[in-house]
Amino acid sequence: MPLTKPTRRRLHHRRQVQCDGYERDDGLWDIEAHITDIKTYDLDNAERGGYVSAGEPFHDMWMRLTIDRGMKIHAVEAVIDASPFPQCPAIARRFSQLEGTRIGPGWHREAKELFNGIHNCTHLHELLAPLATTAIQTLWPSDEKNVMELAENLLLDSCHGWSRHEYTVRKYIPHKYVPAEQSNG
């Protein structure tokens, strides 16, 4: 069901985030995200030759996480092709600090500690959440045992659908299922 018909309006800004998951020939997985911010009008910006033209990306950024089936990050590549300031692209290499971490409970908190304040790019950091969910969606569903263990570790109680009281948990990780009436006592 689509949203209701809006009031008359004009588009001023479009943010697009696209994520893709790839199985590699070497057994690892590449999870990629691309974010663009585009205005429908010319925007003054002294650092970009005086202005950014309507339709030209104000932000254009990429990130690739190379992971294994256990969600361990083996490599990170981040690139800033367009930004409002010339110093912005230099922060992209900092995201390699995610190498060796594992997407799972507490990973977002760990990333927030690694990348904060002047040691961060807000927009690259914003890509981490869709990269994580894209990683899960890329590896799921699978009949392999380690993917079911991954579901237990990553998905249990992460949302309504994966509540330990719901059908999904009863079906896929039954040893973690708890009937709702038993959860209060």
Protein backbone atom coordinates (compact mmCIF):
# COMPACT_ATOMS: atom_id res chain seq x y z
CA MET A 1 0.00 0.00 0.00
CA PRO A 2 1.53 3.35 -0.98
CA LEU A 3 1.54 6.48 1.16
CA THR A 4 -1.50 8.73 0.94
CA LYS A 5 -1.60 11.50 -1.66
CA PRO A 6 0.52 14.39 -0.35
CA THR A 7 -0.24 18.10 -0.47
CA ARG A 8 1.13 19.94 -3.50
CA ARG A 9 4.89 20.16 -3.24
CA ARG A 10 8.21 20.51 -5.09
CA LEU A 11 11.18 18.18 -4.88
CA HIS A 12 14.27 19.94 -3.44
CA HIS A 13 16.52 17.07 -2.46
CA ARG A 14 17.00 13.40 -3.28
CA ARG A 15 19.14 11.05 -1.22
CA GLN A 16 19.69 7.63 -2.68
CA VAL A 17 21.36 4.73 -0.95
CA GLN A 18 21.94 1.58 -2.94
CA CYS A 19 23.41 -1.56 -1.42
CA ASP A 20 24.49 -4.73 -3.17
CA GLY A 21 25.85 -8.03 -1.90
CA TYR A 22 28.21 -10.13 -4.02
CA GLU A 23 29.52 -13.65 -3.58
CA ARG A 24 33.19 -13.72 -4.53
CA ASP A 25 35.05 -16.57 -6.20
CA ASP A 26 37.38 -16.84 -3.18
CA GLY A 27 34.54 -17.66 -0.74
CA LEU A 28 34.28 -14.17 0.75
CA TRP A 29 31.48 -11.68 0.21
CA ASP A 30 31.58 -8.04 -0.91
CA ILE A 31 28.86 -5.81 0.52
CA GLU A 32 28.77 -2.42 -1.16
CA ALA A 33 26.87 0.79 -0.48
CA HIS A 34 26.64 3.97 -2.53
CA ILE A 35 25.07 7.20 -1.28
CA THR A 36 24.26 10.31 -3.28
CA ASP A 37 22.64 13.60 -2.29
CA ILE A 38 21.35 15.66 -5.19
CA LYS A 39 19.61 19.04 -5.15
CA THR A 40 17.08 20.15 -7.75
CA TYR A 41 18.52 23.67 -7.74
CA ASP A 42 21.97 25.26 -7.98
CA LEU A 43 23.57 25.47 -4.53
CA ASP A 44 26.26 28.00 -3.64
CA ASN A 45 29.49 26.28 -2.60
CA ALA A 46 32.76 28.22 -2.81
CA GLU A 47 34.85 25.05 -2.42
CA ARG A 48 33.26 23.48 -5.49
CA GLY A 49 33.93 26.24 -8.01
CA GLY A 50 31.30 28.63 -6.69
CA TYR A 51 28.29 26.34 -6.80
CA VAL A 52 27.04 22.80 -7.23
CA SER A 53 24.71 22.55 -10.21
CA ALA A 54 21.20 21.18 -9.91
CA GLY A 55 21.39 17.43 -10.54
CA GLU A 56 25.11 17.22 -9.71
CA PRO A 57 25.86 15.10 -6.63
CA PHE A 58 26.54 17.19 -3.53
CA HIS A 59 27.61 13.96 -1.82
CA ASP A 60 28.76 10.90 -3.75
CA MET A 61 30.30 8.22 -1.52
CA TRP A 62 31.00 4.50 -1.62
CA MET A 63 31.91 1.82 0.88
CA ARG A 64 32.75 -1.86 0.44
CA LEU A 65 33.00 -4.37 3.27
CA THR A 66 34.57 -7.74 2.45
CA ILE A 67 33.23 -10.30 4.92
CA ASP A 68 33.21 -14.02 5.53
CA ARG A 69 30.16 -16.16 6.41
CA GLY A 70 30.75 -15.44 10.09
CA MET A 71 30.37 -11.70 9.37
CA LYS A 72 34.01 -10.94 10.14
CA ILE A 73 35.22 -7.95 8.13
CA HIS A 74 38.40 -8.73 6.20
CA ALA A 75 38.72 -5.51 4.19
CA VAL A 76 37.11 -2.08 4.00
CA GLU A 77 37.30 0.41 1.17
CA ALA A 78 35.65 3.82 1.35
CA VAL A 79 35.73 6.53 -1.29
CA ILE A 80 34.37 10.07 -1.38
CA ASP A 81 33.92 11.21 -4.98
CA ALA A 82 31.95 14.36 -4.15
CA SER A 83 31.65 16.35 -0.94
CA PRO A 84 31.11 19.97 0.08
CA PHE A 85 34.70 20.48 1.29
CA PRO A 86 38.09 19.48 -0.15
CA GLN A 87 39.28 17.88 3.12
CA CYS A 88 36.39 15.41 3.31
CA PRO A 89 37.88 12.60 1.16
CA ALA A 90 40.87 12.21 3.53
CA ILE A 91 38.67 10.69 6.28
CA ALA A 92 37.58 7.76 4.08
CA ARG A 93 40.73 5.72 4.77
CA ARG A 94 39.96 5.82 8.51
CA PHE A 95 37.13 3.36 7.96
CA SER A 96 39.69 0.59 7.44
CA GLN A 97 39.69 0.43 11.26
CA LEU A 98 36.62 -1.78 10.88
CA GLU A 99 38.84 -4.57 9.53
CA GLY A 100 38.88 -7.44 11.98
CA THR A 101 35.56 -6.47 13.60
CA ARG A 102 32.47 -8.65 13.29
CA ILE A 103 29.01 -7.46 12.29
CA GLY A 104 26.73 -8.53 15.11
CA PRO A 105 25.43 -7.42 18.49
CA GLY A 106 27.35 -4.35 19.65
CA TRP A 107 28.97 -3.69 16.24
CA HIS A 108 27.18 -0.38 15.69
CA ARG A 109 28.21 0.75 19.16
CA GLU A 110 31.81 -0.24 18.43
CA ALA A 111 31.74 1.71 15.16
CA LYS A 112 30.28 4.74 16.93
CA GLU A 113 33.21 4.65 19.37
CA LEU A 114 35.75 4.32 16.53
CA PHE A 115 34.24 7.09 14.44
CA ASN A 116 33.10 10.07 16.44
CA GLY A 117 33.43 13.81 16.22
CA ILE A 118 36.31 14.93 14.03
CA HIS A 119 37.29 11.28 13.41
CA ASN A 120 34.15 10.60 11.42
CA CYS A 121 32.29 11.27 8.21
CA THR A 122 28.60 11.44 9.02
CA HIS A 123 27.55 10.14 5.62
CA LEU A 124 29.98 7.22 5.42
CA HIS A 125 29.02 6.31 8.98
CA GLU A 126 25.35 6.36 7.97
CA LEU A 127 26.14 3.64 5.41
CA LEU A 128 27.16 1.18 8.14
CA ALA A 129 23.58 0.30 9.13
CA PRO A 130 22.37 -0.54 5.61
CA LEU A 131 25.67 -2.34 4.93
CA ALA A 132 25.08 -4.55 7.98
CA THR A 133 21.50 -5.38 7.05
CA THR A 134 22.54 -5.96 3.43
CA ALA A 135 25.21 -8.38 4.66
CA ILE A 136 22.56 -10.31 6.60
CA GLN A 137 20.16 -10.30 3.65
CA THR A 138 22.94 -11.42 1.28
CA LEU A 139 23.80 -14.45 3.41
CA TRP A 140 20.20 -15.24 4.37
CA PRO A 141 18.38 -17.52 3.75
CA SER A 142 20.63 -20.50 3.62
CA ASP A 143 20.42 -24.06 4.84
CA GLU A 144 24.00 -23.97 6.06
CA LYS A 145 24.32 -24.47 9.81
CA ASN A 146 26.55 -21.45 10.37
CA VAL A 147 23.95 -19.15 8.81
CA MET A 148 21.33 -20.45 11.27
CA GLU A 149 23.79 -19.79 14.10
CA LEU A 150 24.23 -16.32 12.65
CA ALA A 151 20.46 -15.81 12.76
CA GLU A 152 20.50 -16.83 16.41
CA ASN A 153 23.29 -14.40 17.25
CA LEU A 154 22.24 -11.45 15.09
CA LEU A 155 18.49 -11.58 14.64
CA LEU A 156 17.04 -12.91 17.91
CA ASP A 157 14.98 -10.10 19.49
CA SER A 158 16.34 -7.59 16.95
CA CYS A 159 12.82 -6.78 15.72
CA HIS A 160 9.19 -7.85 16.11
CA GLY A 161 9.48 -10.56 13.45
CA TRP A 162 12.49 -12.15 15.18
CA SER A 163 11.05 -11.90 18.72
CA ARG A 164 11.76 -15.04 20.75
CA HIS A 165 7.97 -15.24 21.19
CA GLU A 166 7.12 -15.33 17.49
CA TYR A 167 6.59 -18.03 14.87
CA THR A 168 9.86 -17.26 13.03
CA VAL A 169 12.01 -18.15 16.04
CA ARG A 170 9.87 -21.21 16.79
CA LYS A 171 10.48 -22.41 13.22
CA TYR A 172 14.14 -21.50 12.62
CA ILE A 173 15.76 -21.50 16.07
CA PRO A 174 13.27 -23.49 18.16
CA HIS A 175 15.60 -23.93 21.15
CA LYS A 176 15.37 -20.12 21.66
CA TYR A 177 11.57 -19.96 21.36
CA VAL A 178 9.64 -18.86 24.45
CA PRO A 179 5.84 -18.72 24.34
CA ALA A 180 4.65 -15.20 25.15
CA GLU A 181 2.68 -16.25 28.25
CA GLN A 182 5.89 -17.75 29.76
CA SER A 183 7.93 -14.60 29.22
CA ASN A 184 6.25 -12.63 32.03
CA GLY A 185 7.18 -14.97 34.86
